[in-house]
Amino acid sequence: MLAVPIEFPAVGADAFLAPHAERVRIIRHNADGTALISRQRPGASGNTSVPFGSLHGDEAGAIGIKPKADRRRARRNRAARK
C-alpha cells in the first residue's frame, strides 16, 4: 500500500495540539467547529473532540513560537535606528 502524505487540516492528517504540541491525528471535522482527534499514546482510547482552533500544522504554531525575522530585515532595522 502506498503511503500518501496528507496535508493539514484534512481528515487523516497529523496535527499538533496546543499548548504542549502533542502529536494527534484528525479523524473527523464536526459541524460544531470541533474536530475528533486520536491521541497517539499507548493505553486506553485516546479519541476526543477538541476545538479546531487548538490544532496546528506545526509544533512551533502549537507552542506559540513566532518565526524569527530574517537576517536581512533585522540588519535593515538596526541600520535605520543608527
PDB file of N, CA and C in Angstrom:
ATOM      1  N   MET A   1       0.832  -1.169   0.000  1.00  0.00           N
ATOM      2  CA  MET A   1       0.000   0.000   0.000  1.00  0.00           C
ATOM      3  C   MET A   1       0.883   1.241   0.000  1.00  0.00           C
ATOM      4  N   LEU A   2       0.495   2.233  -0.747  1.00  0.00           N
ATOM      5  CA  LEU A   2       1.274   3.462  -0.821  1.00  0.00           C
ATOM      6  C   LEU A   2       0.942   4.375   0.348  1.00  0.00           C
ATOM      7  N   ALA A   3       1.959   5.025   0.869  1.00  0.00           N
ATOM      8  CA  ALA A   3       1.767   5.992   1.947  1.00  0.00           C
ATOM      9  C   ALA A   3       1.772   7.385   1.335  1.00  0.00           C
ATOM     10  N   VAL A   4       0.609   7.976   1.233  1.00  0.00           N
ATOM     11  CA  VAL A   4       0.480   9.298   0.648  1.00  0.00           C
ATOM     12  C   VAL A   4       0.359  10.304   1.785  1.00  0.00           C
ATOM     13  N   PRO A   5       1.238  11.310   1.826  1.00  0.00           N
ATOM     14  CA  PRO A   5       1.145  12.303   2.900  1.00  0.00           C
ATOM     15  C   PRO A   5      -0.125  13.144   2.755  1.00  0.00           C
ATOM     16  N   ILE A   6      -0.772  13.414   3.867  1.00  0.00           N
ATOM     17  CA  ILE A   6      -1.997  14.207   3.885  1.00  0.00           C
ATOM     18  C   ILE A   6      -1.673  15.531   4.561  1.00  0.00           C
ATOM     19  N   GLU A   7      -2.019  16.623   3.912  1.00  0.00           N
ATOM     20  CA  GLU A   7      -1.699  17.952   4.427  1.00  0.00           C
ATOM     21  C   GLU A   7      -2.723  18.391   5.471  1.00  0.00           C
ATOM     22  N   PHE A   8      -2.248  19.096   6.481  1.00  0.00           N
ATOM     23  CA  PHE A   8      -3.112  19.694   7.488  1.00  0.00           C
ATOM     24  C   PHE A   8      -3.978  20.732   6.811  1.00  0.00           C
ATOM     25  N   PRO A   9      -5.223  20.847   7.045  1.00  0.00           N
ATOM     26  CA  PRO A   9      -6.140  20.351   8.047  1.00  0.00           C
ATOM     27  C   PRO A   9      -7.067  19.253   7.548  1.00  0.00           C
ATOM     28  N   ALA A  10      -6.685  18.477   6.563  1.00  0.00           N
ATOM     29  CA  ALA A  10      -7.545  17.425   6.016  1.00  0.00           C
ATOM     30  C   ALA A  10      -7.694  16.275   7.010  1.00  0.00           C
ATOM     31  N   VAL A  11      -8.780  15.551   6.876  1.00  0.00           N
ATOM     32  CA  VAL A  11      -9.017  14.372   7.709  1.00  0.00           C
ATOM     33  C   VAL A  11      -7.930  13.344   7.412  1.00  0.00           C
ATOM     34  N   GLY A  12      -7.355  12.776   8.457  1.00  0.00           N
ATOM     35  CA  GLY A  12      -6.276  11.808   8.316  1.00  0.00           C
ATOM     36  C   GLY A  12      -4.899  12.415   8.490  1.00  0.00           C
ATOM     37  N   ALA A  13      -4.833  13.740   8.538  1.00  0.00           N
ATOM     38  CA  ALA A  13      -3.545  14.422   8.681  1.00  0.00           C
ATOM     39  C   ALA A  13      -3.096  14.434  10.136  1.00  0.00           C
ATOM     40  N   ASP A  14      -1.782  14.500  10.322  1.00  0.00           N
ATOM     41  CA  ASP A  14      -1.238  14.695  11.660  1.00  0.00           C
ATOM     42  C   ASP A  14      -1.317  16.174  11.987  1.00  0.00           C
ATOM     43  N   ALA A  15      -1.545  16.469  13.256  1.00  0.00           N
ATOM     44  CA  ALA A  15      -1.619  17.855  13.719  1.00  0.00           C
ATOM     45  C   ALA A  15      -0.964  17.922  15.093  1.00  0.00           C
ATOM     46  N   PHE A  16      -0.802  19.132  15.585  1.00  0.00           N
ATOM     47  CA  PHE A  16      -0.220  19.342  16.904  1.00  0.00           C
ATOM     48  C   PHE A  16      -1.224  20.100  17.753  1.00  0.00           C
ATOM     49  N   LEU A  17      -1.484  19.588  18.934  1.00  0.00           N
ATOM     50  CA  LEU A  17      -2.489  20.138  19.836  1.00  0.00           C
ATOM     51  C   LEU A  17      -1.840  21.145  20.770  1.00  0.00           C
ATOM     52  N   ALA A  18      -2.374  22.367  20.787  1.00  0.00           N
ATOM     53  CA  ALA A  18      -1.859  23.416  21.674  1.00  0.00           C
ATOM     54  C   ALA A  18      -2.288  23.104  23.105  1.00  0.00           C
ATOM     55  N   PRO A  19      -1.595  23.478  24.117  1.00  0.00           N
ATOM     56  CA  PRO A  19      -0.405  24.317  24.145  1.00  0.00           C
ATOM     57  C   PRO A  19       0.902  23.539  24.229  1.00  0.00           C
ATOM     58  N   HIS A  20       0.842  22.196  24.290  1.00  0.00           N
ATOM     59  CA  HIS A  20       2.069  21.417  24.501  1.00  0.00           C
ATOM     60  C   HIS A  20       2.576  20.713  23.255  1.00  0.00           C
ATOM     61  N   ALA A  21       1.969  20.980  22.121  1.00  0.00           N
ATOM     62  CA  ALA A  21       2.376  20.408  20.834  1.00  0.00           C
ATOM     63  C   ALA A  21       2.346  18.882  20.841  1.00  0.00           C
ATOM     64  N   GLU A  22       1.292  18.322  21.410  1.00  0.00           N
ATOM     65  CA  GLU A  22       1.118  16.869  21.394  1.00  0.00           C
ATOM     66  C   GLU A  22       0.681  16.447  19.989  1.00  0.00           C
ATOM     67  N   ARG A  23       1.346  15.441  19.426  1.00  0.00           N
ATOM     68  CA  ARG A  23       1.020  14.971  18.081  1.00  0.00           C
ATOM     69  C   ARG A  23      -0.270  14.164  18.119  1.00  0.00           C
ATOM     70  N   VAL A  24      -1.221  14.533  17.253  1.00  0.00           N
ATOM     71  CA  VAL A  24      -2.515  13.854  17.164  1.00  0.00           C
ATOM     72  C   VAL A  24      -2.850  13.628  15.695  1.00  0.00           C
ATOM     73  N   ARG A  25      -3.869  12.820  15.443  1.00  0.00           N
ATOM     74  CA  ARG A  25      -4.353  12.601  14.078  1.00  0.00           C
ATOM     75  C   ARG A  25      -5.811  13.035  14.009  1.00  0.00           C
ATOM     76  N   ILE A  26      -6.160  13.789  12.959  1.00  0.00           N
ATOM     77  CA  ILE A  26      -7.521  14.265  12.777  1.00  0.00           C
ATOM     78  C   ILE A  26      -8.356  13.121  12.197  1.00  0.00           C
ATOM     79  N   ILE A  27      -9.447  12.784  12.880  1.00  0.00           N
ATOM     80  CA  ILE A  27     -10.326  11.713  12.422  1.00  0.00           C
ATOM     81  C   ILE A  27     -11.541  12.272  11.694  1.00  0.00           C
ATOM     82  N   ARG A  28     -12.119  13.368  12.233  1.00  0.00           N
ATOM     83  CA  ARG A  28     -13.336  13.909  11.636  1.00  0.00           C
ATOM     84  C   ARG A  28     -13.485  15.383  12.001  1.00  0.00           C
ATOM     85  N   HIS A  29     -14.018  16.172  11.067  1.00  0.00           N
ATOM     86  CA  HIS A  29     -14.401  17.554  11.331  1.00  0.00           C
ATOM     87  C   HIS A  29     -15.876  17.546  11.731  1.00  0.00           C
ATOM     88  N   ASN A  30     -16.194  18.078  12.897  1.00  0.00           N
ATOM     89  CA  ASN A  30     -17.570  18.119  13.375  1.00  0.00           C
ATOM     90  C   ASN A  30     -18.240  19.416  12.938  1.00  0.00           C
ATOM     91  N   ALA A  31     -19.564  19.404  12.825  1.00  0.00           N
ATOM     92  CA  ALA A  31     -20.321  20.567  12.374  1.00  0.00           C
ATOM     93  C   ALA A  31     -20.284  21.719  13.375  1.00  0.00           C
ATOM     94  N   ASP A  32     -19.996  21.438  14.643  1.00  0.00           N
ATOM     95  CA  ASP A  32     -19.999  22.485  15.661  1.00  0.00           C
ATOM     96  C   ASP A  32     -18.657  23.199  15.803  1.00  0.00           C
ATOM     97  N   GLY A  33     -17.731  22.991  14.871  1.00  0.00           N
ATOM     98  CA  GLY A  33     -16.435  23.668  14.908  1.00  0.00           C
ATOM     99  C   GLY A  33     -15.367  22.936  15.696  1.00  0.00           C
ATOM    100  N   THR A  34     -15.645  21.707  16.067  1.00  0.00           N
ATOM    101  CA  THR A  34     -14.651  20.901  16.756  1.00  0.00           C
ATOM    102  C   THR A  34     -14.128  19.833  15.807  1.00  0.00           C
ATOM    103  N   ALA A  35     -13.116  19.140  16.251  1.00  0.00           N
ATOM    104  CA  ALA A  35     -12.549  18.048  15.459  1.00  0.00           C
ATOM    105  C   ALA A  35     -12.383  16.843  16.370  1.00  0.00           C
ATOM    106  N   LEU A  36     -12.715  15.674  15.864  1.00  0.00           N
ATOM    107  CA  LEU A  36     -12.465  14.433  16.574  1.00  0.00           C
ATOM    108  C   LEU A  36     -11.035  14.036  16.264  1.00  0.00           C
ATOM    109  N   ILE A  37     -10.243  13.848  17.312  1.00  0.00           N
ATOM    110  CA  ILE A  37      -8.822  13.519  17.124  1.00  0.00           C
ATOM    111  C   ILE A  37      -8.506  12.204  17.812  1.00  0.00           C
ATOM    112  N   SER A  38      -7.418  11.618  17.386  1.00  0.00           N
ATOM    113  CA  SER A  38      -6.893  10.418  18.009  1.00  0.00           C
ATOM    114  C   SER A  38      -5.524  10.760  18.577  1.00  0.00           C
ATOM    115  N   ARG A  39      -5.409  10.663  19.885  1.00  0.00           N
ATOM    116  CA  ARG A  39      -4.107  10.897  20.522  1.00  0.00           C
ATOM    117  C   ARG A  39      -3.268   9.653  20.338  1.00  0.00           C
ATOM    118  N   GLN A  40      -2.040   9.819  19.957  1.00  0.00           N
ATOM    119  CA  GLN A  40      -1.171   8.686  19.657  1.00  0.00           C
ATOM    120  C   GLN A  40      -0.353   8.334  20.890  1.00  0.00           C
ATOM    121  N   ARG A  41      -1.046   7.721  21.850  1.00  0.00           N
ATOM    122  CA  ARG A  41      -0.385   7.315  23.084  1.00  0.00           C
ATOM    123  C   ARG A  41      -0.831   5.903  23.440  1.00  0.00           C
ATOM    124  N   PRO A  42      -0.003   5.167  24.132  1.00  0.00           N
ATOM    125  CA  PRO A  42      -0.381   3.805  24.493  1.00  0.00           C
ATOM    126  C   PRO A  42      -1.468   3.793  25.571  1.00  0.00           C
ATOM    127  N   GLY A  43      -2.179   2.696  25.650  1.00  0.00           N
ATOM    128  CA  GLY A  43      -3.175   2.561  26.700  1.00  0.00           C
ATOM    129  C   GLY A  43      -4.586   2.668  26.164  1.00  0.00           C
ATOM    130  N   ALA A  44      -5.443   3.278  26.952  1.00  0.00           N
ATOM    131  CA  ALA A  44      -6.858   3.391  26.609  1.00  0.00           C
ATOM    132  C   ALA A  44      -7.052   4.260  25.377  1.00  0.00           C
ATOM    133  N   SER A  45      -8.268   4.231  24.863  1.00  0.00           N
ATOM    134  CA  SER A  45      -8.602   5.006  23.676  1.00  0.00           C
ATOM    135  C   SER A  45      -8.321   6.480  23.909  1.00  0.00           C
ATOM    136  N   GLY A  46      -7.684   7.093  22.965  1.00  0.00           N
ATOM    137  CA  GLY A  46      -7.341   8.500  23.088  1.00  0.00           C
ATOM    138  C   GLY A  46      -8.188   9.379  22.205  1.00  0.00           C
ATOM    139  N   ASN A  47      -9.343   8.891  21.744  1.00  0.00           N
ATOM    140  CA  ASN A  47     -10.195   9.684  20.868  1.00  0.00           C
ATOM    141  C   ASN A  47     -10.976  10.700  21.684  1.00  0.00           C
ATOM    142  N   THR A  48     -10.952  11.947  21.240  1.00  0.00           N
ATOM    143  CA  THR A  48     -11.673  13.010  21.917  1.00  0.00           C
ATOM    144  C   THR A  48     -11.943  14.141  20.942  1.00  0.00           C
ATOM    145  N   SER A  49     -12.893  15.010  21.269  1.00  0.00           N
ATOM    146  CA  SER A  49     -13.177  16.179  20.448  1.00  0.00           C
ATOM    147  C   SER A  49     -12.519  17.404  21.071  1.00  0.00           C
ATOM    148  N   VAL A  50     -11.911  18.226  20.242  1.00  0.00           N
ATOM    149  CA  VAL A  50     -11.267  19.462  20.693  1.00  0.00           C
ATOM    150  C   VAL A  50     -11.677  20.591  19.759  1.00  0.00           C
ATOM    151  N   PRO A  51     -11.611  21.846  20.217  1.00  0.00           N
ATOM    152  CA  PRO A  51     -11.884  22.965  19.315  1.00  0.00           C
ATOM    153  C   PRO A  51     -10.872  22.965  18.172  1.00  0.00           C
ATOM    154  N   PHE A  52     -11.357  23.206  16.962  1.00  0.00           N
ATOM    155  CA  PHE A  52     -10.462  23.134  15.806  1.00  0.00           C
ATOM    156  C   PHE A  52      -9.349  24.179  15.886  1.00  0.00           C
ATOM    157  N   GLY A  53      -9.596  25.301  16.540  1.00  0.00           N
ATOM    158  CA  GLY A  53      -8.584  26.343  16.673  1.00  0.00           C
ATOM    159  C   GLY A  53      -7.383  25.935  17.502  1.00  0.00           C
ATOM    160  N   SER A  54      -7.503  24.870  18.284  1.00  0.00           N
ATOM    161  CA  SER A  54      -6.373  24.428  19.092  1.00  0.00           C
ATOM    162  C   SER A  54      -5.449  23.467  18.340  1.00  0.00           C
ATOM    163  N   LEU A  55      -5.776  23.165  17.083  1.00  0.00           N
ATOM    164  CA  LEU A  55      -4.924  22.298  16.262  1.00  0.00           C
ATOM    165  C   LEU A  55      -4.061  23.148  15.340  1.00  0.00           C
ATOM    166  N   HIS A  56      -2.822  22.733  15.173  1.00  0.00           N
ATOM    167  CA  HIS A  56      -1.879  23.462  14.328  1.00  0.00           C
ATOM    168  C   HIS A  56      -1.131  22.492  13.432  1.00  0.00           C
ATOM    169  N   GLY A  57      -0.628  22.992  12.320  1.00  0.00           N
ATOM    170  CA  GLY A  57       0.089  22.168  11.367  1.00  0.00           C
ATOM    171  C   GLY A  57       1.549  21.934  11.712  1.00  0.00           C
ATOM    172  N   ASP A  58       2.090  22.729  12.644  1.00  0.00           N
ATOM    173  CA  ASP A  58       3.493  22.558  13.030  1.00  0.00           C
ATOM    174  C   ASP A  58       3.631  22.750  14.539  1.00  0.00           C
ATOM    175  N   GLU A  59       4.743  22.253  15.075  1.00  0.00           N
ATOM    176  CA  GLU A  59       4.974  22.328  16.515  1.00  0.00           C
ATOM    177  C   GLU A  59       5.120  23.758  17.003  1.00  0.00           C
ATOM    178  N   ALA A  60       5.812  24.580  16.227  1.00  0.00           N
ATOM    179  CA  ALA A  60       6.043  25.966  16.643  1.00  0.00           C
ATOM    180  C   ALA A  60       4.727  26.723  16.792  1.00  0.00           C
ATOM    181  N   GLY A  61       3.793  26.485  15.899  1.00  0.00           N
ATOM    182  CA  GLY A  61       2.496  27.141  15.993  1.00  0.00           C
ATOM    183  C   GLY A  61       1.706  26.687  17.207  1.00  0.00           C
ATOM    184  N   ALA A  62       1.824  25.423  17.554  1.00  0.00           N
ATOM    185  CA  ALA A  62       1.091  24.888  18.700  1.00  0.00           C
ATOM    186  C   ALA A  62       1.645  25.411  20.015  1.00  0.00           C
ATOM    187  N   ILE A  63       2.948  25.593  20.075  1.00  0.00           N
ATOM    188  CA  ILE A  63       3.566  26.091  21.302  1.00  0.00           C
ATOM    189  C   ILE A  63       3.405  27.603  21.407  1.00  0.00           C
ATOM    190  N   GLY A  64       3.306  28.263  20.269  1.00  0.00           N
ATOM    191  CA  GLY A  64       3.152  29.714  20.265  1.00  0.00           C
ATOM    192  C   GLY A  64       4.428  30.454  19.934  1.00  0.00           C
ATOM    193  N   ILE A  65       5.394  29.769  19.342  1.00  0.00           N
ATOM    194  CA  ILE A  65       6.645  30.413  18.957  1.00  0.00           C
ATOM    195  C   ILE A  65       6.428  31.134  17.641  1.00  0.00           C
ATOM    196  N   LYS A  66       6.756  32.400  17.619  1.00  0.00           N
ATOM    197  CA  LYS A  66       6.628  33.163  16.387  1.00  0.00           C
ATOM    198  C   LYS A  66       7.910  33.002  15.575  1.00  0.00           C
ATOM    199  N   PRO A  67       7.800  32.903  14.243  1.00  0.00           N
ATOM    200  CA  PRO A  67       9.021  32.781  13.441  1.00  0.00           C
ATOM    201  C   PRO A  67       9.872  34.029  13.556  1.00  0.00           C
ATOM    202  N   LYS A  68      11.177  33.827  13.572  1.00  0.00           N
ATOM    203  CA  LYS A  68      12.102  34.951  13.681  1.00  0.00           C
ATOM    204  C   LYS A  68      12.170  35.707  12.365  1.00  0.00           C
ATOM    205  N   ALA A  69      12.402  37.003  12.459  1.00  0.00           N
ATOM    206  CA  ALA A  69      12.573  37.819  11.257  1.00  0.00           C
ATOM    207  C   ALA A  69      13.859  37.382  10.565  1.00  0.00           C
ATOM    208  N   ASP A  70      13.857  37.448   9.259  1.00  0.00           N
ATOM    209  CA  ASP A  70      15.074  37.047   8.553  1.00  0.00           C
ATOM    210  C   ASP A  70      16.194  38.041   8.836  1.00  0.00           C
ATOM    211  N   ARG A  71      17.392  37.614   8.604  1.00  0.00           N
ATOM    212  CA  ARG A  71      18.565  38.420   8.963  1.00  0.00           C
ATOM    213  C   ARG A  71      18.616  39.748   8.225  1.00  0.00           C
ATOM    214  N   ARG A  72      18.205  39.749   6.965  1.00  0.00           N
ATOM    215  CA  ARG A  72      18.257  40.997   6.214  1.00  0.00           C
ATOM    216  C   ARG A  72      17.331  42.047   6.804  1.00  0.00           C
ATOM    217  N   ARG A  73      16.141  41.640   7.193  1.00  0.00           N
ATOM    218  CA  ARG A  73      15.198  42.591   7.769  1.00  0.00           C
ATOM    219  C   ARG A  73      15.728  43.111   9.101  1.00  0.00           C
ATOM    220  N   ALA A  74      16.302  42.241   9.925  1.00  0.00           N
ATOM    221  CA  ALA A  74      16.852  42.664  11.206  1.00  0.00           C
ATOM    222  C   ALA A  74      18.023  43.618  11.005  1.00  0.00           C
ATOM    223  N   ARG A  75      18.877  43.311  10.054  1.00  0.00           N
ATOM    224  CA  ARG A  75      20.018  44.179   9.763  1.00  0.00           C
ATOM    225  C   ARG A  75      19.534  45.553   9.282  1.00  0.00           C
ATOM    226  N   ARG A  76      18.517  45.553   8.428  1.00  0.00           N
ATOM    227  CA  ARG A  76      17.977  46.799   7.899  1.00  0.00           C
ATOM    228  C   ARG A  76      17.351  47.636   9.024  1.00  0.00           C
ATOM    229  N   ASN A  77      16.675  46.992   9.972  1.00  0.00           N
ATOM    230  CA  ASN A  77      16.085  47.705  11.091  1.00  0.00           C
ATOM    231  C   ASN A  77      17.142  48.300  12.000  1.00  0.00           C
ATOM    232  N   ARG A  78      18.243  47.561  12.226  1.00  0.00           N
ATOM    233  CA  ARG A  78      19.325  48.091  13.051  1.00  0.00           C
ATOM    234  C   ARG A  78      19.975  49.294  12.383  1.00  0.00           C
ATOM    235  N   ALA A  79      20.160  49.234  11.066  1.00  0.00           N
ATOM    236  CA  ALA A  79      20.782  50.340  10.353  1.00  0.00           C
ATOM    237  C   ALA A  79      19.886  51.577  10.374  1.00  0.00           C
ATOM    238  N   ALA A  80      18.575  51.386  10.343  1.00  0.00           N
ATOM    239  CA  ALA A  80      17.645  52.518  10.349  1.00  0.00           C
ATOM    240  C   ALA A  80      17.644  53.225  11.711  1.00  0.00           C
ATOM    241  N   ARG A  81      17.921  52.491  12.779  1.00  0.00           N
ATOM    242  CA  ARG A  81      17.942  53.092  14.116  1.00  0.00           C
ATOM    243  C   ARG A  81      19.168  53.940  14.353  1.00  0.00           C
ATOM    244  N   LYS A  82      20.252  53.717  13.625  1.00  0.00           N
ATOM    245  CA  LYS A  82      21.518  54.459  13.858  1.00  0.00           C
ATOM    246  C   LYS A  82      21.471  55.829  13.313  1.00  0.00           C
TER     247      LYS A  82
END
